[in-house]
């Protein structure tokens, strides 16, 4: 009858001893780093870009107002995914990539069907 507590690793030490040593090392590292004193005269970080990220203006309601302009059930006449500025450009780029892929795959199918473009 073997239990998980008495299993030995490849070099003969028990797994419980390895886990407890790892936990002890983690707790020790946490205690050491918590008590680190910054030398006098050394300045802390000024948080330049972090302040910019945390104090970023909230534009959720503005975007929501744009998305809900004229109602939300407009269907094909005024789709929600074309209401914001720049959505038409994204649509054109996506349609262009899909069209390009369709043309290339059609040319490949034609060449496979007719045997043209083979390397001898």
Foldseek 3Di string as FASTA:
>chain_A
DDDQQPDADPVGHHPVVVVVVVVVVVVVVVVVVVPDDDDPPDDDDPCVVVCCVVVPDDCPVVLVCQLQVPHQPPPPPDHSQPRDPPSVVVVVVVVVVVVVVVVVVVVVVVCVVVVPPDDD
